[in-house]
Amino acid sequence: MAQTNESEWKGKTRGGSFGYRFFILLIKGLGIRAAYGFLCLVVVYFIPFAPKATKASWQYARRRLHYNRLRSIGFLFRNYYRFGQTLIDKVAIRSGKTKDYHFDFGTHYDEFLQLLNSEQGVILIGAHVGNWEIGAPFFDDYGKRMHIVMYDAEYQKIKEILEQNMEGGGYQVIPVNEDNLTHVFRISDALNRKEYVCFQGDRFTQGAQTLQAPFLGTNASFPAGPYLLASRLRVPVVFYFALREKGMRYSFNFVLADAPPAENKRGKQETVLLTQYIEALEAILEKHPEQWFNYYDFWKV
């Protein structure tokens, strides 16, 4: 089905190479809090000069959160500012400034640890909500490699900059190239080695297989890949989110998915997993609505 340009995600995350380079230099020279201060000016610039992203954020506030116009204006600033903070934090953490932050773990933390220690492959499914990548140092404590599945266009955009300016991230990236299936074999190999594979369960590119489900009051499309793989490979699935809190603090949220019954008809198991994922995602957004960072028409309204 043909779609307009602004209603599709192009396989790249907002934020250019210049922005990454600038904040890397700012953090190294003046510190994290100076970067936060300068971010206010960046946000004021982006609201009028990134019209497609601003429109998407505005529609989310008005149509999904049901905010009035005045509250939606304030939401635009908070939404952009939180997004900028997560980018700064990502750079800072990968620059070795982990000790500047505090991390809180949710009620399912012990169950998650048991799963990590069970010596089996695990699929983690996150979203472009909060800052899921901030947890990379935590996974390193278990001596295992975490593999992040990322669209090739998104990965190549910042790969060289991050490698030149930062310490090792403690994880490997599996780039998705739509012209071949190399990423599928790499995912399978990682799980067979009892390692962890992390997907983003909310985005897809044009032409990708999708699943439809109600989300925040109306139907939306989700990538079928993570849920199909998890249901076929029959490995444990964890929905994982890292949310920015007040101060230099992040809260980790782990939701262990219930395994779909094996007797479910083909094509149903992935739907069961998607339903659980959406329930977890909606619960997160109820507490942190401003940390939704999909800057395109997600619902194609």
C-alpha atoms as a PDB file:
ATOM      1  CA  MET A   1       0.000   0.000   0.000  1.00  0.00           C
ATOM      2  CA  ALA A   2       1.426   3.345  -0.992  1.00  0.00           C
ATOM      3  CA  GLN A   3       2.043   5.770   1.846  1.00  0.00           C
ATOM      4  CA  THR A   4       3.093   9.374   2.087  1.00  0.00           C
ATOM      5  CA  ASN A   5       6.663  10.193   3.002  1.00  0.00           C
ATOM      6  CA  GLU A   6       5.878  11.595   6.423  1.00  0.00           C
ATOM      7  CA  SER A   7       3.904   8.493   7.472  1.00  0.00           C
ATOM      8  CA  GLU A   8       6.806   6.108   6.969  1.00  0.00           C
ATOM      9  CA  TRP A   9       9.893   5.489   9.020  1.00  0.00           C
ATOM     10  CA  LYS A  10      12.957   5.562   6.756  1.00  0.00           C
ATOM     11  CA  GLY A  11      15.224   3.284   8.769  1.00  0.00           C
ATOM     12  CA  LYS A  12      17.107   6.161  10.408  1.00  0.00           C
ATOM     13  CA  THR A  13      16.777   7.713  13.836  1.00  0.00           C
ATOM     14  CA  ARG A  14      16.533  11.497  14.120  1.00  0.00           C
ATOM     15  CA  GLY A  15      19.816  13.143  15.049  1.00  0.00           C
ATOM     16  CA  GLY A  16      22.642  13.708  12.593  1.00  0.00           C
ATOM     17  CA  SER A  17      26.358  13.010  12.734  1.00  0.00           C
ATOM     18  CA  PHE A  18      27.092  16.702  13.390  1.00  0.00           C
ATOM     19  CA  GLY A  19      24.872  16.619  16.464  1.00  0.00           C
ATOM     20  CA  TYR A  20      26.659  13.589  17.866  1.00  0.00           C
ATOM     21  CA  ARG A  21      30.077  15.127  17.259  1.00  0.00           C
ATOM     22  CA  PHE A  22      29.033  18.419  18.838  1.00  0.00           C
ATOM     23  CA  PHE A  23      27.690  16.869  22.036  1.00  0.00           C
ATOM     24  CA  ILE A  24      30.690  14.548  22.325  1.00  0.00           C
ATOM     25  CA  LEU A  25      32.981  17.599  22.327  1.00  0.00           C
ATOM     26  CA  LEU A  26      30.687  19.525  24.685  1.00  0.00           C
ATOM     27  CA  ILE A  27      30.538  16.680  27.219  1.00  0.00           C
ATOM     28  CA  LYS A  28      34.303  16.183  27.119  1.00  0.00           C
ATOM     29  CA  GLY A  29      35.007  19.896  27.445  1.00  0.00           C
ATOM     30  CA  LEU A  30      32.330  21.242  29.799  1.00  0.00           C
ATOM     31  CA  GLY A  31      30.544  18.220  31.222  1.00  0.00           C
ATOM     32  CA  ILE A  32      27.124  16.608  31.049  1.00  0.00           C
ATOM     33  CA  ARG A  33      25.150  19.371  32.767  1.00  0.00           C
ATOM     34  CA  ALA A  34      26.511  21.989  30.369  1.00  0.00           C
ATOM     35  CA  ALA A  35      25.242  19.817  27.525  1.00  0.00           C
ATOM     36  CA  TYR A  36      21.802  19.714  29.161  1.00  0.00           C
ATOM     37  CA  GLY A  37      21.815  23.501  29.379  1.00  0.00           C
ATOM     38  CA  PHE A  38      22.661  23.963  25.720  1.00  0.00           C
ATOM     39  CA  LEU A  39      19.978  21.418  24.861  1.00  0.00           C
ATOM     40  CA  CYS A  40      17.276  23.955  25.740  1.00  0.00           C
ATOM     41  CA  LEU A  41      18.387  26.102  22.795  1.00  0.00           C
ATOM     42  CA  VAL A  42      18.435  23.085  20.506  1.00  0.00           C
ATOM     43  CA  VAL A  43      14.848  22.223  21.473  1.00  0.00           C
ATOM     44  CA  VAL A  44      13.629  25.759  20.761  1.00  0.00           C
ATOM     45  CA  TYR A  45      15.224  25.459  17.314  1.00  0.00           C
ATOM     46  CA  PHE A  46      13.806  22.028  16.510  1.00  0.00           C
ATOM     47  CA  ILE A  47      10.166  22.758  17.299  1.00  0.00           C
ATOM     48  CA  PRO A  48       9.678  25.087  14.281  1.00  0.00           C
ATOM     49  CA  PHE A  49      12.452  23.749  12.044  1.00  0.00           C
ATOM     50  CA  ALA A  50      11.659  20.019  12.243  1.00  0.00           C
ATOM     51  CA  PRO A  51       8.025  20.293  11.113  1.00  0.00           C
ATOM     52  CA  LYS A  52       7.355  16.607  10.377  1.00  0.00           C
ATOM     53  CA  ALA A  53       8.678  15.466  13.745  1.00  0.00           C
ATOM     54  CA  THR A  54       6.849  18.287  15.526  1.00  0.00           C
ATOM     55  CA  LYS A  55       3.616  17.377  13.762  1.00  0.00           C
ATOM     56  CA  ALA A  56       3.970  13.743  14.830  1.00  0.00           C
ATOM     57  CA  SER A  57       4.647  14.730  18.444  1.00  0.00           C
ATOM     58  CA  TRP A  58       1.713  17.146  18.384  1.00  0.00           C
ATOM     59  CA  GLN A  59      -0.675  14.510  17.019  1.00  0.00           C
ATOM     60  CA  TYR A  60       0.481  12.043  19.651  1.00  0.00           C
ATOM     61  CA  ALA A  61      -0.255  14.564  22.419  1.00  0.00           C
ATOM     62  CA  ARG A  62      -3.613  15.614  20.986  1.00  0.00           C
ATOM     63  CA  ARG A  63      -5.019  12.340  19.650  1.00  0.00           C
ATOM     64  CA  ARG A  64      -3.443   9.659  21.826  1.00  0.00           C
ATOM     65  CA  LEU A  65      -2.925  11.493  25.125  1.00  0.00           C
ATOM     66  CA  HIS A  66      -5.974  13.756  24.587  1.00  0.00           C
ATOM     67  CA  TYR A  67      -4.162  16.876  25.788  1.00  0.00           C
ATOM     68  CA  ASN A  68      -5.640  20.302  25.106  1.00  0.00           C
ATOM     69  CA  ARG A  69      -3.751  22.773  22.926  1.00  0.00           C
ATOM     70  CA  LEU A  70      -1.962  24.561  25.759  1.00  0.00           C
ATOM     71  CA  ARG A  71      -0.831  21.332  27.389  1.00  0.00           C
ATOM     72  CA  SER A  72       0.273  19.981  24.008  1.00  0.00           C
ATOM     73  CA  ILE A  73       2.535  22.997  23.455  1.00  0.00           C
ATOM     74  CA  GLY A  74       4.285  22.277  26.738  1.00  0.00           C
ATOM     75  CA  PHE A  75       4.457  18.618  25.794  1.00  0.00           C
ATOM     76  CA  LEU A  76       6.397  19.429  22.612  1.00  0.00           C
ATOM     77  CA  PHE A  77       9.198  21.015  24.620  1.00  0.00           C
ATOM     78  CA  ARG A  78       9.293  18.202  27.207  1.00  0.00           C
ATOM     79  CA  ASN A  79       9.242  15.522  24.528  1.00  0.00           C
ATOM     80  CA  TYR A  80      12.125  17.022  22.543  1.00  0.00           C
ATOM     81  CA  TYR A  81      14.085  17.806  25.698  1.00  0.00           C
ATOM     82  CA  ARG A  82      13.775  14.248  27.001  1.00  0.00           C
ATOM     83  CA  PHE A  83      14.848  12.907  23.631  1.00  0.00           C
ATOM     84  CA  GLY A  84      17.889  15.166  23.646  1.00  0.00           C
ATOM     85  CA  GLN A  85      18.747  14.093  27.187  1.00  0.00           C
ATOM     86  CA  THR A  86      18.729  10.436  26.183  1.00  0.00           C
ATOM     87  CA  LEU A  87      21.146  11.172  23.328  1.00  0.00           C
ATOM     88  CA  ILE A  88      23.469  13.058  25.678  1.00  0.00           C
ATOM     89  CA  ASP A  89      23.242  10.268  28.253  1.00  0.00           C
ATOM     90  CA  LYS A  90      23.988   7.667  25.596  1.00  0.00           C
ATOM     91  CA  VAL A  91      27.127   9.554  24.586  1.00  0.00           C
ATOM     92  CA  ALA A  92      28.150  10.102  28.222  1.00  0.00           C
ATOM     93  CA  ILE A  93      27.698   6.456  29.217  1.00  0.00           C
ATOM     94  CA  ARG A  94      29.669   5.232  26.230  1.00  0.00           C
ATOM     95  CA  SER A  95      32.362   7.781  27.088  1.00  0.00           C
ATOM     96  CA  GLY A  96      32.912   6.061  30.431  1.00  0.00           C
ATOM     97  CA  LYS A  97      30.814   8.325  32.666  1.00  0.00           C
ATOM     98  CA  THR A  98      28.629   5.543  34.068  1.00  0.00           C
ATOM     99  CA  LYS A  99      29.364   6.566  37.681  1.00  0.00           C
ATOM    100  CA  ASP A 100      27.631   9.906  37.125  1.00  0.00           C
ATOM    101  CA  TYR A 101      24.292   8.090  36.893  1.00  0.00           C
ATOM    102  CA  HIS A 102      22.104   6.063  39.225  1.00  0.00           C
ATOM    103  CA  PHE A 103      20.132   3.016  38.125  1.00  0.00           C
ATOM    104  CA  ASP A 104      17.004   1.587  39.741  1.00  0.00           C
ATOM    105  CA  PHE A 105      15.722  -1.895  39.020  1.00  0.00           C
ATOM    106  CA  GLY A 106      12.060  -2.863  38.962  1.00  0.00           C
ATOM    107  CA  THR A 107      10.079  -5.485  40.810  1.00  0.00           C
ATOM    108  CA  HIS A 108      10.898  -8.210  38.265  1.00  0.00           C
ATOM    109  CA  TYR A 109      14.644  -7.724  38.568  1.00  0.00           C
ATOM    110  CA  ASP A 110      15.257 -10.956  40.511  1.00  0.00           C
ATOM    111  CA  GLU A 111      13.278 -12.985  37.987  1.00  0.00           C
ATOM    112  CA  PHE A 112      15.270 -11.395  35.200  1.00  0.00           C
ATOM    113  CA  LEU A 113      18.540 -12.289  36.918  1.00  0.00           C
ATOM    114  CA  GLN A 114      17.421 -15.893  37.213  1.00  0.00           C
ATOM    115  CA  LEU A 115      16.753 -15.920  33.498  1.00  0.00           C
ATOM    116  CA  LEU A 116      20.172 -14.444  32.732  1.00  0.00           C
ATOM    117  CA  ASN A 117      21.816 -17.072  34.908  1.00  0.00           C
ATOM    118  CA  SER A 118      19.894 -19.961  33.361  1.00  0.00           C
ATOM    119  CA  GLU A 119      22.423 -20.309  30.519  1.00  0.00           C
ATOM    120  CA  GLN A 120      20.023 -20.009  27.614  1.00  0.00           C
ATOM    121  CA  GLY A 121      19.517 -17.601  24.776  1.00  0.00           C
ATOM    122  CA  VAL A 122      17.109 -14.753  25.459  1.00  0.00           C
ATOM    123  CA  ILE A 123      15.273 -12.321  23.189  1.00  0.00           C
ATOM    124  CA  LEU A 124      14.752  -8.815  24.568  1.00  0.00           C
ATOM    125  CA  ILE A 125      12.211  -6.564  22.888  1.00  0.00           C
ATOM    126  CA  GLY A 126      12.243  -2.840  23.562  1.00  0.00           C
ATOM    127  CA  ALA A 127      10.862   0.277  21.923  1.00  0.00           C
ATOM    128  CA  HIS A 128      11.860   3.786  20.963  1.00  0.00           C
ATOM    129  CA  VAL A 129      10.756   4.846  24.418  1.00  0.00           C
ATOM    130  CA  GLY A 130      13.226   6.057  27.019  1.00  0.00           C
ATOM    131  CA  ASN A 131      16.832   4.983  26.489  1.00  0.00           C
ATOM    132  CA  TRP A 132      17.110   1.193  26.235  1.00  0.00           C
ATOM    133  CA  GLU A 133      20.779   1.344  25.205  1.00  0.00           C
ATOM    134  CA  ILE A 134      21.740   2.825  28.577  1.00  0.00           C
ATOM    135  CA  GLY A 135      21.686  -0.683  30.061  1.00  0.00           C
ATOM    136  CA  ALA A 136      24.656  -1.979  28.061  1.00  0.00           C
ATOM    137  CA  PRO A 137      27.145  -1.693  30.977  1.00  0.00           C
ATOM    138  CA  PHE A 138      24.792  -3.732  33.152  1.00  0.00           C
ATOM    139  CA  PHE A 139      24.728  -6.644  30.718  1.00  0.00           C
ATOM    140  CA  ASP A 140      28.519  -6.691  30.608  1.00  0.00           C
ATOM    141  CA  ASP A 141      28.607  -7.742  34.258  1.00  0.00           C
ATOM    142  CA  TYR A 142      27.390 -11.159  33.170  1.00  0.00           C
ATOM    143  CA  GLY A 143      30.241 -11.653  30.736  1.00  0.00           C
ATOM    144  CA  LYS A 144      27.910 -12.187  27.815  1.00  0.00           C
ATOM    145  CA  ARG A 145      27.540 -10.298  24.619  1.00  0.00           C
ATOM    146  CA  MET A 146      24.327  -8.500  23.903  1.00  0.00           C
ATOM    147  CA  HIS A 147      23.475  -8.176  20.222  1.00  0.00           C
ATOM    148  CA  ILE A 148      21.325  -5.245  19.133  1.00  0.00           C
ATOM    149  CA  VAL A 149      19.422  -5.694  15.893  1.00  0.00           C
ATOM    150  CA  MET A 150      19.452  -2.361  14.053  1.00  0.00           C
ATOM    151  CA  TYR A 151      18.537  -1.276  10.549  1.00  0.00           C
ATOM    152  CA  ASP A 152      21.686  -0.834   8.488  1.00  0.00           C
ATOM    153  CA  ALA A 153      20.910   2.777   7.513  1.00  0.00           C
ATOM    154  CA  GLU A 154      20.458   3.689  11.177  1.00  0.00           C
ATOM    155  CA  TYR A 155      23.619   1.847  12.217  1.00  0.00           C
ATOM    156  CA  GLN A 156      25.951   3.241   9.553  1.00  0.00           C
ATOM    157  CA  LYS A 157      24.856   6.798  10.324  1.00  0.00           C
ATOM    158  CA  ILE A 158      26.659   6.949  13.672  1.00  0.00           C
ATOM    159  CA  LYS A 159      28.946   3.882  13.661  1.00  0.00           C
ATOM    160  CA  GLU A 160      32.188   5.653  12.725  1.00  0.00           C
ATOM    161  CA  ILE A 161      31.655   8.559  15.117  1.00  0.00           C
ATOM    162  CA  LEU A 162      30.905   6.355  18.111  1.00  0.00           C
ATOM    163  CA  GLU A 163      33.867   4.075  17.418  1.00  0.00           C
ATOM    164  CA  GLN A 164      36.288   7.013  17.135  1.00  0.00           C
ATOM    165  CA  ASN A 165      35.174   8.925  20.203  1.00  0.00           C
ATOM    166  CA  MET A 166      33.922   6.402  22.738  1.00  0.00           C
ATOM    167  CA  GLU A 167      34.830   3.352  24.718  1.00  0.00           C
ATOM    168  CA  GLY A 168      33.463  -0.006  23.711  1.00  0.00           C
ATOM    169  CA  GLY A 169      29.721  -0.215  24.181  1.00  0.00           C
ATOM    170  CA  GLY A 170      29.860  -3.765  25.521  1.00  0.00           C
ATOM    171  CA  TYR A 171      27.514  -5.033  22.845  1.00  0.00           C
ATOM    172  CA  GLN A 172      27.559  -5.938  19.190  1.00  0.00           C
ATOM    173  CA  VAL A 173      25.258  -4.615  16.503  1.00  0.00           C
ATOM    174  CA  ILE A 174      23.575  -6.921  14.012  1.00  0.00           C
ATOM    175  CA  PRO A 175      22.732  -4.622  11.082  1.00  0.00           C
ATOM    176  CA  VAL A 176      19.621  -5.518   9.118  1.00  0.00           C
ATOM    177  CA  ASN A 177      20.264  -5.311   5.398  1.00  0.00           C
ATOM    178  CA  GLU A 178      17.046  -5.860   3.488  1.00  0.00           C
ATOM    179  CA  ASP A 179      18.961  -7.168   0.462  1.00  0.00           C
ATOM    180  CA  ASN A 180      20.068 -10.365   2.210  1.00  0.00           C
ATOM    181  CA  LEU A 181      19.309 -12.594   5.183  1.00  0.00           C
ATOM    182  CA  THR A 182      22.711 -12.462   6.877  1.00  0.00           C
ATOM    183  CA  HIS A 183      21.174 -10.893   9.978  1.00  0.00           C
ATOM    184  CA  VAL A 184      18.817 -13.860  10.418  1.00  0.00           C
ATOM    185  CA  PHE A 185      21.727 -16.301  10.611  1.00  0.00           C
ATOM    186  CA  ARG A 186      23.637 -14.033  12.997  1.00  0.00           C
ATOM    187  CA  ILE A 187      20.609 -13.801  15.285  1.00  0.00           C
ATOM    188  CA  SER A 188      20.181 -17.571  15.291  1.00  0.00           C
ATOM    189  CA  ASP A 189      23.891 -18.128  15.955  1.00  0.00           C
ATOM    190  CA  ALA A 190      23.872 -15.707  18.899  1.00  0.00           C
ATOM    191  CA  LEU A 191      20.900 -17.424  20.512  1.00  0.00           C
ATOM    192  CA  ASN A 192      22.481 -20.842  19.972  1.00  0.00           C
ATOM    193  CA  ARG A 193      25.529 -19.545  21.861  1.00  0.00           C
ATOM    194  CA  LYS A 194      23.174 -18.700  24.750  1.00  0.00           C
ATOM    195  CA  GLU A 195      23.590 -14.963  24.255  1.00  0.00           C
ATOM    196  CA  TYR A 196      21.045 -12.153  24.163  1.00  0.00           C
ATOM    197  CA  VAL A 197      19.450 -10.541  21.126  1.00  0.00           C
ATOM    198  CA  CYS A 198      17.673  -7.212  21.509  1.00  0.00           C
ATOM    199  CA  PHE A 199      15.059  -5.959  19.041  1.00  0.00           C
ATOM    200  CA  GLN A 200      13.067  -2.782  18.830  1.00  0.00           C
ATOM    201  CA  GLY A 201       9.507  -4.010  18.600  1.00  0.00           C
ATOM    202  CA  ASP A 202       7.836  -0.849  17.357  1.00  0.00           C
ATOM    203  CA  ARG A 203       9.402   0.117  14.003  1.00  0.00           C
ATOM    204  CA  PHE A 204       9.606  -1.305  10.518  1.00  0.00           C
ATOM    205  CA  THR A 205      10.475  -0.091   7.048  1.00  0.00           C
ATOM    206  CA  GLN A 206       8.225  -0.027   4.004  1.00  0.00           C
ATOM    207  CA  GLY A 207       7.540  -3.481   2.612  1.00  0.00           C
ATOM    208  CA  ALA A 208       8.338  -5.335   5.832  1.00  0.00           C
ATOM    209  CA  GLN A 209       5.904  -7.911   7.183  1.00  0.00           C
ATOM    210  CA  THR A 210       3.725  -6.409   9.907  1.00  0.00           C
ATOM    211  CA  LEU A 211       1.169  -7.339  12.542  1.00  0.00           C
ATOM    212  CA  GLN A 212      -1.875  -5.198  13.317  1.00  0.00           C
ATOM    213  CA  ALA A 213      -3.098  -4.597  16.861  1.00  0.00           C
ATOM    214  CA  PRO A 214      -4.903  -1.947  18.937  1.00  0.00           C
ATOM    215  CA  PHE A 215      -2.477   0.461  20.621  1.00  0.00           C
ATOM    216  CA  LEU A 216      -3.443   3.538  22.646  1.00  0.00           C
ATOM    217  CA  GLY A 217      -6.994   3.412  21.405  1.00  0.00           C
ATOM    218  CA  THR A 218      -6.610   2.659  17.706  1.00  0.00           C
ATOM    219  CA  ASN A 219      -4.998   0.106  15.413  1.00  0.00           C
ATOM    220  CA  ALA A 220      -1.297   0.363  14.644  1.00  0.00           C
ATOM    221  CA  SER A 221       1.225  -1.724  12.710  1.00  0.00           C
ATOM    222  CA  PHE A 222       4.187  -3.447  14.339  1.00  0.00           C
ATOM    223  CA  PRO A 223       7.098  -5.353  12.790  1.00  0.00           C
ATOM    224  CA  ALA A 224       6.339  -9.054  12.634  1.00  0.00           C
ATOM    225  CA  GLY A 225       9.988 -10.145  12.731  1.00  0.00           C
ATOM    226  CA  PRO A 226      10.770 -10.073  16.484  1.00  0.00           C
ATOM    227  CA  TYR A 227       7.545 -11.844  17.419  1.00  0.00           C
ATOM    228  CA  LEU A 228       7.798 -14.426  14.651  1.00  0.00           C
ATOM    229  CA  LEU A 229      11.382 -15.287  15.594  1.00  0.00           C
ATOM    230  CA  ALA A 230      10.588 -15.543  19.284  1.00  0.00           C
ATOM    231  CA  SER A 231       7.591 -17.787  18.680  1.00  0.00           C
ATOM    232  CA  ARG A 232       9.443 -20.048  16.227  1.00  0.00           C
ATOM    233  CA  LEU A 233      12.656 -20.396  18.232  1.00  0.00           C
ATOM    234  CA  ARG A 234      10.806 -20.896  21.527  1.00  0.00           C
ATOM    235  CA  VAL A 235      13.311 -18.932  23.601  1.00  0.00           C
ATOM    236  CA  PRO A 236      12.433 -16.776  26.634  1.00  0.00           C
ATOM    237  CA  VAL A 237      11.269 -13.252  25.811  1.00  0.00           C
ATOM    238  CA  VAL A 238      11.709 -10.181  27.999  1.00  0.00           C
ATOM    239  CA  PHE A 239      10.214  -6.763  27.304  1.00  0.00           C
ATOM    240  CA  TYR A 240      12.833  -4.282  28.435  1.00  0.00           C
ATOM    241  CA  PHE A 241      12.584  -0.516  28.909  1.00  0.00           C
ATOM    242  CA  ALA A 242      14.933   2.024  30.503  1.00  0.00           C
ATOM    243  CA  LEU A 243      13.202   5.263  31.476  1.00  0.00           C
ATOM    244  CA  ARG A 244      14.751   8.628  32.286  1.00  0.00           C
ATOM    245  CA  GLU A 245      13.738   9.803  35.756  1.00  0.00           C
ATOM    246  CA  LYS A 246      14.408  13.036  37.645  1.00  0.00           C
ATOM    247  CA  GLY A 247      18.051  13.794  38.244  1.00  0.00           C
ATOM    248  CA  MET A 248      20.747  11.588  36.771  1.00  0.00           C
ATOM    249  CA  ARG A 249      18.666   8.472  37.242  1.00  0.00           C
ATOM    250  CA  TYR A 250      17.247   5.687  35.107  1.00  0.00           C
ATOM    251  CA  SER A 251      14.715   3.025  36.017  1.00  0.00           C
ATOM    252  CA  PHE A 252      14.986  -0.372  34.359  1.00  0.00           C
ATOM    253  CA  ASN A 253      11.749  -2.207  33.656  1.00  0.00           C
ATOM    254  CA  PHE A 254      11.742  -5.913  32.849  1.00  0.00           C
ATOM    255  CA  VAL A 255       8.553  -7.743  31.914  1.00  0.00           C
ATOM    256  CA  LEU A 256       8.934 -11.482  31.388  1.00  0.00           C
ATOM    257  CA  ALA A 257       6.588 -12.607  28.639  1.00  0.00           C
ATOM    258  CA  ASP A 258       4.418 -15.655  29.143  1.00  0.00           C
ATOM    259  CA  ALA A 259       5.310 -18.321  26.587  1.00  0.00           C
ATOM    260  CA  PRO A 260       2.420 -18.848  24.140  1.00  0.00           C
ATOM    261  CA  PRO A 261       0.948 -22.362  24.382  1.00  0.00           C
ATOM    262  CA  ALA A 262       2.698 -24.733  21.996  1.00  0.00           C
ATOM    263  CA  GLU A 263      -0.653 -25.982  20.724  1.00  0.00           C
ATOM    264  CA  ASN A 264      -1.584 -22.528  19.427  1.00  0.00           C
ATOM    265  CA  LYS A 265      -2.321 -22.511  15.723  1.00  0.00           C
ATOM    266  CA  ARG A 266       0.417 -21.321  13.405  1.00  0.00           C
ATOM    267  CA  GLY A 267       0.266 -17.562  13.112  1.00  0.00           C
ATOM    268  CA  LYS A 268      -1.248 -17.112  16.570  1.00  0.00           C
ATOM    269  CA  GLN A 269       1.779 -17.383  18.847  1.00  0.00           C
ATOM    270  CA  GLU A 270       3.341 -14.178  17.563  1.00  0.00           C
ATOM    271  CA  THR A 271       0.019 -12.382  18.106  1.00  0.00           C
ATOM    272  CA  VAL A 272      -0.014 -13.504  21.745  1.00  0.00           C
ATOM    273  CA  LEU A 273       3.499 -12.108  22.210  1.00  0.00           C
ATOM    274  CA  LEU A 274       2.599  -8.826  20.494  1.00  0.00           C
ATOM    275  CA  THR A 275      -0.444  -8.393  22.739  1.00  0.00           C
ATOM    276  CA  GLN A 276       1.742  -8.812  25.832  1.00  0.00           C
ATOM    277  CA  TYR A 277       4.270  -6.360  24.405  1.00  0.00           C
ATOM    278  CA  ILE A 278       1.619  -3.709  23.777  1.00  0.00           C
ATOM    279  CA  GLU A 279       0.242  -4.112  27.301  1.00  0.00           C
ATOM    280  CA  ALA A 280       3.737  -3.564  28.731  1.00  0.00           C
ATOM    281  CA  LEU A 281       4.390  -0.590  26.427  1.00  0.00           C
ATOM    282  CA  GLU A 282       1.097   1.104  27.270  1.00  0.00           C
ATOM    283  CA  ALA A 283       1.829   0.735  30.995  1.00  0.00           C
ATOM    284  CA  ILE A 284       5.201   2.437  30.482  1.00  0.00           C
ATOM    285  CA  LEU A 285       3.704   5.283  28.448  1.00  0.00           C
ATOM    286  CA  GLU A 286       1.022   5.864  31.063  1.00  0.00           C
ATOM    287  CA  LYS A 287       3.807   6.856  33.477  1.00  0.00           C
ATOM    288  CA  HIS A 288       6.211   8.431  30.965  1.00  0.00           C
ATOM    289  CA  PRO A 289       4.185   9.698  27.968  1.00  0.00           C
ATOM    290  CA  GLU A 290       6.861  12.281  27.081  1.00  0.00           C
ATOM    291  CA  GLN A 291       9.412   9.547  26.384  1.00  0.00           C
ATOM    292  CA  TRP A 292       7.721   8.334  23.201  1.00  0.00           C
ATOM    293  CA  PHE A 293      10.331   9.010  20.506  1.00  0.00           C
ATOM    294  CA  ASN A 294       8.723   7.885  17.245  1.00  0.00           C
ATOM    295  CA  TYR A 295       8.769  11.082  15.212  1.00  0.00           C
ATOM    296  CA  TYR A 296       6.568  10.038  12.324  1.00  0.00           C
ATOM    297  CA  ASP A 297       2.880   9.214  11.904  1.00  0.00           C
ATOM    298  CA  PHE A 298       2.950   5.937  13.819  1.00  0.00           C
ATOM    299  CA  TRP A 299      -0.812   5.413  13.519  1.00  0.00           C
ATOM    300  CA  LYS A 300      -1.052   6.993  10.059  1.00  0.00           C
ATOM    301  CA  VAL A 301      -3.995   9.076  11.224  1.00  0.00           C
END
